[in-house]
Each structure stands twice: as structure tokens, then as C-alpha cells.
Amino acid sequence: LILRRSDHVELREVPAGDFALLSAIAQSRRMETAVEEALRFDLSFDLTAALNRLVQIGALTGWNLPRPV
């Protein structure tokens, strides 16, 4: 995973499931679909742990919930 910071670029190794989750989110896929993608790469994927890791390294900084129709 490549993270661009204000003053430098970081290269981070993340679990395959985490990367698949981020990739799906970046493509505006629903969370359910993103988790399914992650599980394809890691059958023991843990969403709570992945979100915690990604927030801690600054790879996931915010999100929005769709408004009910």
C-alpha cells in the first residue's frame, strides 16, 4: 500500500484482505461487496481488525453513510 503524506510517501505492507477491502472501497463498492472481496483473498478476514489497522495508519480517514431514500 502506498500512502501519500503531506511531506513524504510511505510504502506499507498490509494483509491481502485489507488491501482488497481498500481497493473495493476506492471503487465505491458497497461495504458488503468490499468484505466479500477481502474474504476472497483471506478466508479469516476480520473487518473490525482491518478497519482498526487502516484507520491507525491513516489509509482510511473518513466515510459517509448513504441517506435513506
N, C-alpha and C. Protein backbone atom coordinates (compact mmCIF):
# COMPACT_ATOMS: atom_id res chain seq x y z
N LEU A 1 0.86 -1.17 0.00
CA LEU A 1 0.00 0.00 0.00
C LEU A 1 0.90 1.22 0.00
N ILE A 2 0.62 2.17 -0.87
CA ILE A 2 1.37 3.41 -0.93
C ILE A 2 0.51 4.51 -0.33
N LEU A 3 1.04 5.19 0.66
CA LEU A 3 0.34 6.28 1.33
C LEU A 3 1.07 7.58 1.06
N ARG A 4 0.37 8.56 0.54
CA ARG A 4 0.98 9.86 0.30
C ARG A 4 0.67 10.76 1.48
N ARG A 5 1.71 11.21 2.14
CA ARG A 5 1.59 12.13 3.27
C ARG A 5 1.88 13.53 2.77
N SER A 6 1.73 14.52 3.62
CA SER A 6 1.98 15.90 3.20
C SER A 6 3.44 16.14 2.83
N ASP A 7 4.36 15.44 3.47
CA ASP A 7 5.77 15.69 3.23
C ASP A 7 6.58 14.47 2.76
N HIS A 8 5.92 13.34 2.59
CA HIS A 8 6.63 12.15 2.13
C HIS A 8 5.63 11.08 1.68
N VAL A 9 6.18 10.03 1.13
CA VAL A 9 5.38 8.88 0.68
C VAL A 9 5.82 7.67 1.49
N GLU A 10 4.84 6.87 1.91
CA GLU A 10 5.14 5.66 2.67
C GLU A 10 4.71 4.43 1.89
N LEU A 11 5.48 3.41 1.99
CA LEU A 11 5.13 2.11 1.44
C LEU A 11 4.87 1.20 2.63
N ARG A 12 3.66 0.69 2.73
CA ARG A 12 3.28 -0.16 3.86
C ARG A 12 2.85 -1.52 3.37
N GLU A 13 3.29 -2.54 4.07
CA GLU A 13 2.80 -3.89 3.79
C GLU A 13 1.56 -4.09 4.64
N VAL A 14 0.47 -4.46 3.99
CA VAL A 14 -0.78 -4.73 4.70
C VAL A 14 -1.27 -6.11 4.28
N PRO A 15 -2.08 -6.75 5.11
CA PRO A 15 -2.63 -8.04 4.73
C PRO A 15 -3.43 -7.94 3.42
N ALA A 16 -3.44 -9.02 2.67
CA ALA A 16 -4.12 -9.04 1.37
C ALA A 16 -5.60 -8.66 1.50
N GLY A 17 -6.24 -9.12 2.56
CA GLY A 17 -7.65 -8.79 2.76
C GLY A 17 -7.87 -7.30 2.97
N ASP A 18 -6.97 -6.67 3.71
CA ASP A 18 -7.07 -5.23 3.94
C ASP A 18 -6.94 -4.47 2.62
N PHE A 19 -5.96 -4.90 1.81
CA PHE A 19 -5.75 -4.23 0.52
C PHE A 19 -6.96 -4.42 -0.39
N ALA A 20 -7.52 -5.62 -0.41
CA ALA A 20 -8.71 -5.88 -1.23
C ALA A 20 -9.89 -5.03 -0.76
N LEU A 21 -10.04 -4.89 0.56
CA LEU A 21 -11.10 -4.06 1.11
C LEU A 21 -10.92 -2.61 0.65
N LEU A 22 -9.72 -2.07 0.80
CA LEU A 22 -9.46 -0.69 0.38
C LEU A 22 -9.67 -0.50 -1.11
N SER A 23 -9.24 -1.45 -1.89
CA SER A 23 -9.42 -1.36 -3.35
C SER A 23 -10.90 -1.29 -3.71
N ALA A 24 -11.70 -2.12 -3.07
CA ALA A 24 -13.14 -2.12 -3.35
C ALA A 24 -13.78 -0.81 -2.89
N ILE A 25 -13.38 -0.31 -1.74
CA ILE A 25 -13.91 0.95 -1.23
C ILE A 25 -13.53 2.09 -2.19
N ALA A 26 -12.30 2.07 -2.68
CA ALA A 26 -11.84 3.10 -3.62
C ALA A 26 -12.64 3.08 -4.91
N GLN A 27 -13.23 1.94 -5.23
CA GLN A 27 -14.06 1.81 -6.43
C GLN A 27 -15.53 2.06 -6.12
N SER A 28 -15.80 2.63 -4.93
CA SER A 28 -17.16 2.99 -4.49
C SER A 28 -18.10 1.79 -4.40
N ARG A 29 -17.53 0.65 -4.07
CA ARG A 29 -18.38 -0.54 -3.88
C ARG A 29 -19.00 -0.51 -2.49
N ARG A 30 -20.12 -1.17 -2.36
CA ARG A 30 -20.79 -1.27 -1.07
C ARG A 30 -19.90 -2.03 -0.09
N MET A 31 -20.05 -1.75 1.19
CA MET A 31 -19.21 -2.41 2.20
C MET A 31 -19.38 -3.92 2.13
N GLU A 32 -20.58 -4.40 1.93
CA GLU A 32 -20.81 -5.84 1.83
C GLU A 32 -19.97 -6.45 0.70
N THR A 33 -19.92 -5.79 -0.43
CA THR A 33 -19.14 -6.26 -1.56
C THR A 33 -17.65 -6.17 -1.26
N ALA A 34 -17.23 -5.10 -0.58
CA ALA A 34 -15.83 -4.92 -0.22
C ALA A 34 -15.37 -6.05 0.71
N VAL A 35 -16.20 -6.42 1.65
CA VAL A 35 -15.86 -7.51 2.57
C VAL A 35 -15.79 -8.84 1.81
N GLU A 36 -16.71 -9.05 0.88
CA GLU A 36 -16.65 -10.28 0.07
C GLU A 36 -15.35 -10.35 -0.71
N GLU A 37 -14.92 -9.21 -1.25
CA GLU A 37 -13.63 -9.16 -1.96
C GLU A 37 -12.48 -9.52 -1.02
N ALA A 38 -12.50 -8.96 0.17
CA ALA A 38 -11.45 -9.24 1.15
C ALA A 38 -11.41 -10.72 1.51
N LEU A 39 -12.58 -11.32 1.66
CA LEU A 39 -12.65 -12.74 2.01
C LEU A 39 -12.13 -13.64 0.89
N ARG A 40 -12.17 -13.16 -0.34
CA ARG A 40 -11.61 -13.95 -1.44
C ARG A 40 -10.10 -14.09 -1.30
N PHE A 41 -9.47 -13.10 -0.69
CA PHE A 41 -8.02 -13.12 -0.51
C PHE A 41 -7.59 -13.68 0.84
N ASP A 42 -8.50 -13.63 1.82
CA ASP A 42 -8.16 -14.07 3.17
C ASP A 42 -9.43 -14.60 3.84
N LEU A 43 -9.53 -15.94 3.92
CA LEU A 43 -10.74 -16.55 4.49
C LEU A 43 -10.95 -16.22 5.96
N SER A 44 -9.88 -15.80 6.64
CA SER A 44 -10.02 -15.44 8.06
C SER A 44 -10.10 -13.92 8.24
N PHE A 45 -10.45 -13.19 7.17
CA PHE A 45 -10.53 -11.73 7.21
C PHE A 45 -11.44 -11.28 8.35
N ASP A 46 -10.96 -10.31 9.12
CA ASP A 46 -11.70 -9.75 10.25
C ASP A 46 -11.90 -8.26 9.97
N LEU A 47 -13.13 -7.88 9.67
CA LEU A 47 -13.44 -6.50 9.29
C LEU A 47 -13.07 -5.51 10.38
N THR A 48 -13.41 -5.82 11.62
CA THR A 48 -13.11 -4.90 12.73
C THR A 48 -11.61 -4.67 12.85
N ALA A 49 -10.83 -5.74 12.80
CA ALA A 49 -9.37 -5.62 12.90
C ALA A 49 -8.81 -4.85 11.71
N ALA A 50 -9.33 -5.13 10.52
CA ALA A 50 -8.84 -4.45 9.32
C ALA A 50 -9.13 -2.95 9.38
N LEU A 51 -10.35 -2.59 9.76
CA LEU A 51 -10.69 -1.17 9.86
C LEU A 51 -9.81 -0.48 10.89
N ASN A 52 -9.57 -1.14 12.00
CA ASN A 52 -8.70 -0.58 13.04
C ASN A 52 -7.29 -0.33 12.49
N ARG A 53 -6.73 -1.32 11.80
CA ARG A 53 -5.39 -1.17 11.22
C ARG A 53 -5.34 -0.03 10.20
N LEU A 54 -6.33 0.02 9.33
CA LEU A 54 -6.33 1.00 8.26
C LEU A 54 -6.54 2.42 8.77
N VAL A 55 -7.33 2.58 9.81
CA VAL A 55 -7.50 3.90 10.43
C VAL A 55 -6.21 4.31 11.13
N GLN A 56 -5.59 3.37 11.84
CA GLN A 56 -4.36 3.68 12.58
C GLN A 56 -3.23 4.15 11.67
N ILE A 57 -3.11 3.59 10.47
CA ILE A 57 -2.03 4.01 9.59
C ILE A 57 -2.44 5.17 8.69
N GLY A 58 -3.68 5.61 8.82
CA GLY A 58 -4.15 6.76 8.05
C GLY A 58 -4.56 6.44 6.63
N ALA A 59 -4.78 5.16 6.33
CA ALA A 59 -5.21 4.76 4.99
C ALA A 59 -6.71 4.95 4.81
N LEU A 60 -7.42 4.96 5.89
CA LEU A 60 -8.87 5.17 5.87
C LEU A 60 -9.14 6.29 6.87
N THR A 61 -9.56 7.43 6.36
CA THR A 61 -9.67 8.60 7.22
C THR A 61 -11.10 9.08 7.44
N GLY A 62 -12.03 8.60 6.68
CA GLY A 62 -13.41 9.03 6.87
C GLY A 62 -14.33 8.28 5.93
N TRP A 63 -15.59 8.36 6.22
CA TRP A 63 -16.58 7.70 5.38
C TRP A 63 -17.93 8.38 5.56
N ASN A 64 -18.80 8.11 4.63
CA ASN A 64 -20.16 8.65 4.67
C ASN A 64 -21.15 7.51 4.53
N LEU A 65 -22.23 7.62 5.22
CA LEU A 65 -23.31 6.64 5.08
C LEU A 65 -24.34 7.24 4.13
N PRO A 66 -24.85 6.43 3.21
CA PRO A 66 -25.87 6.96 2.30
C PRO A 66 -27.12 7.33 3.07
N ARG A 67 -27.77 8.35 2.61
CA ARG A 67 -29.03 8.77 3.24
C ARG A 67 -30.16 7.86 2.80
N PRO A 68 -31.04 7.50 3.72
CA PRO A 68 -32.18 6.65 3.34
C PRO A 68 -33.05 7.36 2.30
N VAL A 69 -33.59 6.58 1.40
CA VAL A 69 -34.44 7.14 0.34
C VAL A 69 -35.85 7.24 0.81
